[in-house]
Amino acid sequence: MKAGKDNVNKQLEAGRCFSEYIIATLNRVYNLKISPQIRKISIRKTHVTPKPQQRKKVEYLDNLHTFRDSKFWLKKYLD
């Protein structure tokens, strides 16, 4: 999970890669079969669009916000 104002894809991808490395190491060393679901989540105060002048405030209702014209729901996972 990454909080930020700018594009955070590189940091999230690095975190995913590191997580996969740790999981693979644990599985190899301790002979486990852990296969968690890894999700890249970015929490923002504004909805980032290709055109910066179209940014709008994110308003949560019961920790859930649905962006207009978006297929995804953003849910606050941590309090």
N, C-alpha and C. Protein backbone atom coordinates (compact mmCIF):
# COMPACT_ATOMS: atom_id res chain seq x y z
N MET A 1 0.85 -1.16 0.00
CA MET A 1 0.00 0.00 0.00
C MET A 1 0.90 1.22 0.00
N LYS A 2 0.55 2.20 -0.81
CA LYS A 2 1.37 3.41 -0.94
C LYS A 2 0.47 4.62 -0.94
N ALA A 3 0.81 5.62 -0.15
CA ALA A 3 0.08 6.89 -0.17
C ALA A 3 0.93 7.89 -0.92
N GLY A 4 0.31 8.70 -1.74
CA GLY A 4 1.07 9.70 -2.47
C GLY A 4 0.21 10.54 -3.37
N LYS A 5 0.81 11.63 -3.86
CA LYS A 5 0.10 12.55 -4.74
C LYS A 5 0.36 12.22 -6.21
N ASP A 6 1.52 11.67 -6.50
CA ASP A 6 1.93 11.42 -7.88
C ASP A 6 1.71 9.96 -8.27
N ASN A 7 2.13 9.63 -9.48
CA ASN A 7 2.03 8.26 -9.96
C ASN A 7 2.94 7.37 -9.11
N VAL A 8 2.39 6.36 -8.49
CA VAL A 8 3.14 5.52 -7.56
C VAL A 8 3.31 4.10 -8.10
N ASN A 9 3.09 3.90 -9.40
CA ASN A 9 3.18 2.55 -9.97
C ASN A 9 4.55 1.92 -9.79
N LYS A 10 5.62 2.70 -9.94
CA LYS A 10 6.97 2.14 -9.80
C LYS A 10 7.21 1.64 -8.38
N GLN A 11 6.79 2.43 -7.38
CA GLN A 11 6.97 2.01 -6.00
C GLN A 11 6.11 0.78 -5.67
N LEU A 12 4.88 0.76 -6.18
CA LEU A 12 4.01 -0.39 -5.93
C LEU A 12 4.54 -1.64 -6.60
N GLU A 13 5.08 -1.51 -7.80
CA GLU A 13 5.65 -2.66 -8.51
C GLU A 13 6.88 -3.18 -7.78
N ALA A 14 7.71 -2.27 -7.25
CA ALA A 14 8.88 -2.67 -6.47
C ALA A 14 8.45 -3.40 -5.20
N GLY A 15 7.40 -2.92 -4.56
CA GLY A 15 6.88 -3.59 -3.37
C GLY A 15 6.35 -4.98 -3.68
N ARG A 16 5.67 -5.12 -4.82
CA ARG A 16 5.17 -6.43 -5.24
C ARG A 16 6.33 -7.40 -5.49
N CYS A 17 7.36 -6.91 -6.18
CA CYS A 17 8.53 -7.74 -6.49
C CYS A 17 9.22 -8.18 -5.19
N PHE A 18 9.39 -7.27 -4.25
CA PHE A 18 10.01 -7.60 -2.97
C PHE A 18 9.17 -8.61 -2.19
N SER A 19 7.86 -8.43 -2.20
CA SER A 19 6.96 -9.36 -1.51
C SER A 19 7.07 -10.76 -2.10
N GLU A 20 7.11 -10.85 -3.42
CA GLU A 20 7.24 -12.16 -4.07
C GLU A 20 8.57 -12.82 -3.72
N TYR A 21 9.64 -12.01 -3.62
CA TYR A 21 10.95 -12.54 -3.23
C TYR A 21 10.90 -13.12 -1.82
N ILE A 22 10.31 -12.38 -0.88
CA ILE A 22 10.22 -12.84 0.51
C ILE A 22 9.40 -14.13 0.60
N ILE A 23 8.28 -14.17 -0.11
CA ILE A 23 7.41 -15.35 -0.09
C ILE A 23 8.13 -16.56 -0.69
N ALA A 24 8.82 -16.36 -1.80
CA ALA A 24 9.57 -17.45 -2.43
C ALA A 24 10.67 -17.97 -1.50
N THR A 25 11.33 -17.05 -0.80
CA THR A 25 12.38 -17.45 0.15
C THR A 25 11.80 -18.26 1.30
N LEU A 26 10.69 -17.81 1.87
CA LEU A 26 10.04 -18.56 2.96
C LEU A 26 9.60 -19.94 2.49
N ASN A 27 9.02 -20.00 1.30
CA ASN A 27 8.57 -21.29 0.77
C ASN A 27 9.74 -22.24 0.56
N ARG A 28 10.86 -21.72 0.07
CA ARG A 28 12.03 -22.56 -0.19
C ARG A 28 12.69 -23.00 1.11
N VAL A 29 12.94 -22.08 2.03
CA VAL A 29 13.68 -22.39 3.25
C VAL A 29 12.88 -23.27 4.20
N TYR A 30 11.61 -22.97 4.37
CA TYR A 30 10.79 -23.71 5.33
C TYR A 30 9.89 -24.76 4.68
N ASN A 31 10.06 -24.99 3.39
CA ASN A 31 9.29 -25.97 2.65
C ASN A 31 7.78 -25.74 2.82
N LEU A 32 7.37 -24.49 2.62
CA LEU A 32 5.97 -24.10 2.73
C LEU A 32 5.35 -23.97 1.35
N LYS A 33 4.06 -23.77 1.33
CA LYS A 33 3.35 -23.54 0.07
C LYS A 33 2.45 -22.31 0.22
N ILE A 34 3.05 -21.21 0.65
CA ILE A 34 2.31 -19.97 0.84
C ILE A 34 2.13 -19.30 -0.52
N SER A 35 0.91 -18.92 -0.84
CA SER A 35 0.66 -18.19 -2.09
C SER A 35 -0.42 -17.12 -1.84
N PRO A 36 -0.02 -16.03 -1.17
CA PRO A 36 -1.01 -14.99 -0.85
C PRO A 36 -1.40 -14.19 -2.09
N GLN A 37 -2.53 -13.53 -1.98
CA GLN A 37 -2.97 -12.63 -3.04
C GLN A 37 -2.27 -11.29 -2.81
N ILE A 38 -1.50 -10.84 -3.78
CA ILE A 38 -0.79 -9.57 -3.67
C ILE A 38 -1.54 -8.54 -4.51
N ARG A 39 -1.93 -7.45 -3.85
CA ARG A 39 -2.67 -6.39 -4.54
C ARG A 39 -1.93 -5.08 -4.38
N LYS A 40 -1.89 -4.31 -5.45
CA LYS A 40 -1.27 -2.99 -5.39
C LYS A 40 -2.38 -1.97 -5.11
N ILE A 41 -2.26 -1.26 -3.99
CA ILE A 41 -3.29 -0.31 -3.57
C ILE A 41 -2.64 1.05 -3.35
N SER A 42 -3.22 2.07 -3.95
CA SER A 42 -2.75 3.44 -3.77
C SER A 42 -3.89 4.25 -3.16
N ILE A 43 -3.60 4.93 -2.06
CA ILE A 43 -4.60 5.76 -1.38
C ILE A 43 -4.26 7.22 -1.66
N ARG A 44 -5.23 7.97 -2.14
CA ARG A 44 -5.01 9.38 -2.50
C ARG A 44 -6.11 10.25 -1.94
N LYS A 45 -5.80 11.53 -1.83
CA LYS A 45 -6.81 12.50 -1.42
C LYS A 45 -7.54 13.07 -2.63
N THR A 46 -6.95 12.95 -3.82
CA THR A 46 -7.60 13.42 -5.05
C THR A 46 -7.59 12.31 -6.08
N HIS A 47 -8.54 12.34 -6.98
CA HIS A 47 -8.61 11.38 -8.09
C HIS A 47 -7.70 11.89 -9.19
N VAL A 48 -6.65 11.13 -9.53
CA VAL A 48 -5.68 11.56 -10.53
C VAL A 48 -6.17 11.13 -11.90
N THR A 49 -6.30 12.09 -12.78
CA THR A 49 -6.71 11.83 -14.16
C THR A 49 -5.58 12.27 -15.08
N PRO A 50 -5.61 11.92 -16.36
CA PRO A 50 -4.55 12.34 -17.28
C PRO A 50 -4.40 13.87 -17.35
N LYS A 51 -5.47 14.61 -17.13
CA LYS A 51 -5.41 16.06 -17.19
C LYS A 51 -5.49 16.61 -15.76
N PRO A 52 -4.39 17.20 -15.24
CA PRO A 52 -4.39 17.65 -13.85
C PRO A 52 -5.50 18.65 -13.50
N GLN A 53 -5.98 19.43 -14.44
CA GLN A 53 -7.03 20.39 -14.12
C GLN A 53 -8.36 19.72 -13.82
N GLN A 54 -8.49 18.41 -14.07
CA GLN A 54 -9.74 17.70 -13.81
C GLN A 54 -9.72 16.93 -12.48
N ARG A 55 -8.75 17.21 -11.61
CA ARG A 55 -8.70 16.52 -10.32
C ARG A 55 -9.87 16.95 -9.46
N LYS A 56 -10.36 16.00 -8.70
CA LYS A 56 -11.47 16.30 -7.80
C LYS A 56 -11.23 15.63 -6.46
N LYS A 57 -11.84 16.16 -5.42
CA LYS A 57 -11.69 15.62 -4.08
C LYS A 57 -12.34 14.24 -3.99
N VAL A 58 -11.73 13.36 -3.21
CA VAL A 58 -12.30 12.05 -2.95
C VAL A 58 -13.09 12.14 -1.65
N GLU A 59 -14.35 11.79 -1.70
CA GLU A 59 -15.18 11.80 -0.50
C GLU A 59 -15.60 10.36 -0.19
N TYR A 60 -15.32 9.92 1.04
CA TYR A 60 -15.63 8.57 1.46
C TYR A 60 -16.96 8.54 2.19
N LEU A 61 -17.72 7.49 1.97
CA LEU A 61 -18.95 7.24 2.70
C LEU A 61 -18.85 5.81 3.23
N ASP A 62 -18.74 5.66 4.53
CA ASP A 62 -18.53 4.34 5.15
C ASP A 62 -17.31 3.64 4.57
N ASN A 63 -16.22 4.38 4.43
CA ASN A 63 -14.94 3.87 3.93
C ASN A 63 -15.02 3.36 2.49
N LEU A 64 -15.97 3.80 1.71
CA LEU A 64 -16.11 3.35 0.33
C LEU A 64 -16.39 4.54 -0.57
N HIS A 65 -15.73 4.58 -1.72
CA HIS A 65 -15.98 5.64 -2.68
C HIS A 65 -16.00 5.04 -4.08
N THR A 66 -16.98 5.39 -4.85
CA THR A 66 -17.05 4.96 -6.24
C THR A 66 -16.84 6.18 -7.12
N PHE A 67 -15.84 6.12 -8.00
CA PHE A 67 -15.60 7.23 -8.92
C PHE A 67 -16.62 7.19 -10.04
N ARG A 68 -17.08 8.34 -10.42
CA ARG A 68 -17.98 8.43 -11.56
C ARG A 68 -17.19 8.02 -12.81
N ASP A 69 -17.81 7.33 -13.73
CA ASP A 69 -17.18 6.86 -14.97
C ASP A 69 -15.99 5.94 -14.70
N SER A 70 -16.04 5.17 -13.63
CA SER A 70 -14.95 4.26 -13.31
C SER A 70 -15.52 2.88 -13.04
N LYS A 71 -14.75 1.85 -13.40
CA LYS A 71 -15.18 0.47 -13.19
C LYS A 71 -14.74 -0.05 -11.82
N PHE A 72 -13.90 0.71 -11.13
CA PHE A 72 -13.31 0.23 -9.89
C PHE A 72 -13.89 0.95 -8.69
N TRP A 73 -13.89 0.26 -7.57
CA TRP A 73 -14.28 0.85 -6.29
C TRP A 73 -13.03 0.95 -5.44
N LEU A 74 -12.87 2.07 -4.79
CA LEU A 74 -11.74 2.28 -3.89
C LEU A 74 -12.24 2.14 -2.47
N LYS A 75 -11.70 1.20 -1.74
CA LYS A 75 -12.13 0.97 -0.37
C LYS A 75 -10.96 1.21 0.57
N LYS A 76 -11.23 1.89 1.64
CA LYS A 76 -10.19 2.15 2.63
C LYS A 76 -9.97 0.86 3.42
N TYR A 77 -8.76 0.30 3.34
CA TYR A 77 -8.48 -0.98 3.97
C TYR A 77 -7.95 -0.84 5.39
N LEU A 78 -7.26 0.26 5.68
CA LEU A 78 -6.70 0.45 7.01
C LEU A 78 -7.31 1.67 7.66
N ASP A 79 -7.56 1.62 8.92
CA ASP A 79 -8.09 2.78 9.65
C ASP A 79 -6.97 3.67 10.10
